[in-house]
C-alpha atoms as a PDB file:
ATOM      1  CA  UNK A   1     -17.395   3.037   8.093  1.00  0.00           C
ATOM      2  CA  UNK A   2     -17.029   3.832   4.550  1.00  0.00           C
ATOM      3  CA  UNK A   3     -15.928   3.278   0.939  1.00  0.00           C
ATOM      4  CA  UNK A   4     -11.954   3.563   0.123  1.00  0.00           C
ATOM      5  CA  UNK A   5     -11.438   5.785  -3.019  1.00  0.00           C
ATOM      6  CA  UNK A   6      -8.354   4.532  -3.865  1.00  0.00           C
ATOM      7  CA  UNK A   7      -9.840   0.988  -3.629  1.00  0.00           C
ATOM      8  CA  UNK A   8     -13.644   1.211  -5.645  1.00  0.00           C
ATOM      9  CA  UNK A   9     -12.204   4.321  -7.961  1.00  0.00           C
ATOM     10  CA  UNK A  10     -14.569   6.128 -10.092  1.00  0.00           C
ATOM     11  CA  UNK A  11     -17.181   4.091  -8.920  1.00  0.00           C
ATOM     12  CA  UNK A  12     -17.085   5.731  -5.606  1.00  0.00           C
ATOM     13  CA  UNK A  13     -19.377   8.177  -7.668  1.00  0.00           C
ATOM     14  CA  UNK A  14     -22.414   6.341  -8.828  1.00  0.00           C
ATOM     15  CA  UNK A  15     -23.703   7.615  -5.053  1.00  0.00           C
ATOM     16  CA  UNK A  16     -25.083  11.274  -4.757  1.00  0.00           C
ATOM     17  CA  UNK A  17     -24.187  11.127  -0.714  1.00  0.00           C
ATOM     18  CA  UNK A  18     -19.913  10.556  -2.383  1.00  0.00           C
ATOM     19  CA  UNK A  19     -19.175  14.050  -2.622  1.00  0.00           C
ATOM     20  CA  UNK A  20     -15.732  14.032  -0.444  1.00  0.00           C
ATOM     21  CA  UNK A  21     -13.218  11.513  -1.650  1.00  0.00           C
ATOM     22  CA  UNK A  22     -12.502   9.767   1.541  1.00  0.00           C
ATOM     23  CA  UNK A  23      -9.733   7.171   2.593  1.00  0.00           C
ATOM     24  CA  UNK A  24      -8.671   5.858   6.125  1.00  0.00           C
ATOM     25  CA  UNK A  25      -5.929   7.744   5.643  1.00  0.00           C
ATOM     26  CA  UNK A  26      -7.391  11.340   5.457  1.00  0.00           C
ATOM     27  CA  UNK A  27     -10.804  10.301   7.699  1.00  0.00           C
ATOM     28  CA  UNK A  28      -8.453   9.861  10.203  1.00  0.00           C
ATOM     29  CA  UNK A  29      -6.098  12.781   9.331  1.00  0.00           C
ATOM     30  CA  UNK A  30      -9.114  14.555  10.740  1.00  0.00           C
ATOM     31  CA  UNK A  31     -11.419  12.588  13.128  1.00  0.00           C
ATOM     32  CA  UNK A  32      -6.910  13.301  14.388  1.00  0.00           C
ATOM     33  CA  UNK A  33      -7.348  16.756  14.049  1.00  0.00           C
ATOM     34  CA  UNK A  34     -10.549  17.944  16.341  1.00  0.00           C
ATOM     35  CA  UNK A  35      -8.067  15.639  19.432  1.00  0.00           C
ATOM     36  CA  UNK A  36     -10.708  12.198  18.548  1.00  0.00           C
ATOM     37  CA  UNK A  37      -7.776   9.042  19.065  1.00  0.00           C
ATOM     38  CA  UNK A  38      -7.717   6.399  15.712  1.00  0.00           C
ATOM     39  CA  UNK A  39      -7.117   3.165  18.101  1.00  0.00           C
ATOM     40  CA  UNK A  40      -7.603   0.879  14.449  1.00  0.00           C
ATOM     41  CA  UNK A  41      -7.421   1.690  10.873  1.00  0.00           C
ATOM     42  CA  UNK A  42      -8.621  -0.702   8.499  1.00  0.00           C
ATOM     43  CA  UNK A  43      -8.009  -0.029   4.864  1.00  0.00           C
ATOM     44  CA  UNK A  44      -9.967  -3.144   3.523  1.00  0.00           C
ATOM     45  CA  UNK A  45     -12.784  -4.723   5.558  1.00  0.00           C
ATOM     46  CA  UNK A  46     -15.379  -5.017   3.700  1.00  0.00           C
ATOM     47  CA  UNK A  47     -16.898  -4.968   0.155  1.00  0.00           C
ATOM     48  CA  UNK A  48     -18.212  -2.040  -1.106  1.00  0.00           C
ATOM     49  CA  UNK A  49     -21.396  -2.343  -0.970  1.00  0.00           C
ATOM     50  CA  UNK A  50     -24.528  -4.693  -0.729  1.00  0.00           C
ATOM     51  CA  UNK A  51     -26.786  -2.515  -2.149  1.00  0.00           C
ATOM     52  CA  UNK A  52     -29.355  -4.748  -4.585  1.00  0.00           C
ATOM     53  CA  UNK A  53     -28.206  -7.242  -3.820  1.00  0.00           C
ATOM     54  CA  UNK A  54     -29.075 -10.150  -2.833  1.00  0.00           C
ATOM     55  CA  UNK A  55     -28.654 -10.944   0.432  1.00  0.00           C
ATOM     56  CA  UNK A  56     -26.420 -12.684   1.939  1.00  0.00           C
ATOM     57  CA  UNK A  57     -25.953 -16.306   3.959  1.00  0.00           C
ATOM     58  CA  UNK A  58     -25.069 -15.480   7.605  1.00  0.00           C
ATOM     59  CA  UNK A  59     -22.443 -17.663   8.007  1.00  0.00           C
ATOM     60  CA  UNK A  60     -20.891 -16.527   4.786  1.00  0.00           C
ATOM     61  CA  UNK A  61     -20.798 -13.145   6.225  1.00  0.00           C
ATOM     62  CA  UNK A  62     -19.471 -14.498   9.647  1.00  0.00           C
ATOM     63  CA  UNK A  63     -16.296 -16.879   8.148  1.00  0.00           C
ATOM     64  CA  UNK A  64     -15.771 -13.546   6.005  1.00  0.00           C
ATOM     65  CA  UNK A  65     -15.132 -11.192   8.867  1.00  0.00           C
ATOM     66  CA  UNK A  66     -13.516 -13.970  10.756  1.00  0.00           C
ATOM     67  CA  UNK A  67     -10.908 -14.070   7.693  1.00  0.00           C
ATOM     68  CA  UNK A  68      -8.698 -10.640   7.732  1.00  0.00           C
ATOM     69  CA  UNK A  69      -7.450 -12.581   4.484  1.00  0.00           C
ATOM     70  CA  UNK A  70     -10.157 -12.309   2.756  1.00  0.00           C
ATOM     71  CA  UNK A  71     -10.523  -8.326   2.204  1.00  0.00           C
ATOM     72  CA  UNK A  72      -7.482  -8.072   1.205  1.00  0.00           C
ATOM     73  CA  UNK A  73      -8.818  -9.321  -1.799  1.00  0.00           C
ATOM     74  CA  UNK A  74     -12.130  -8.300  -1.598  1.00  0.00           C
ATOM     75  CA  UNK A  75     -12.329  -5.246   1.085  1.00  0.00           C
ATOM     76  CA  UNK A  76     -13.241  -1.867  -0.703  1.00  0.00           C
ATOM     77  CA  UNK A  77     -14.058  -0.568   2.306  1.00  0.00           C
ATOM     78  CA  UNK A  78     -12.320   0.766   5.665  1.00  0.00           C
ATOM     79  CA  UNK A  79     -12.631   1.085   8.710  1.00  0.00           C
ATOM     80  CA  UNK A  80     -11.543   3.438  11.976  1.00  0.00           C
ATOM     81  CA  UNK A  81     -12.507   3.138  15.870  1.00  0.00           C
ATOM     82  CA  UNK A  82     -11.749   5.846  17.781  1.00  0.00           C
ATOM     83  CA  UNK A  83     -12.885   7.552  21.082  1.00  0.00           C
ATOM     84  CA  UNK A  84     -13.808  11.236  22.213  1.00  0.00           C
ATOM     85  CA  UNK A  85     -11.096  12.435  24.811  1.00  0.00           C
ATOM     86  CA  UNK A  86     -12.528  13.181  28.234  1.00  0.00           C
ATOM     87  CA  UNK A  87     -13.344  16.330  28.809  1.00  0.00           C
ATOM     88  CA  UNK A  88     -11.454  17.781  31.905  1.00  0.00           C
ATOM     89  CA  UNK A  89     -13.132  17.933  35.022  1.00  0.00           C
END
């Protein structure tokens, strides 16, 4: 999971550890190039940041996660799930 520069724009650079601009597709390509299989790729998942934000009630987080339509409206971070292949025996 990480910020998707496609949706975050210039705010991506507001954190000192954001050196490489990433989208879900660029990270997917990197993972596949080193042998991982990407099993799920969600371009918009969570809002950009919760740093310095008031705590969000758990019930609202659960509701958000159950309604993917909200992800499209508010999501600015991608989610990738991948599997590392088993080494040959």
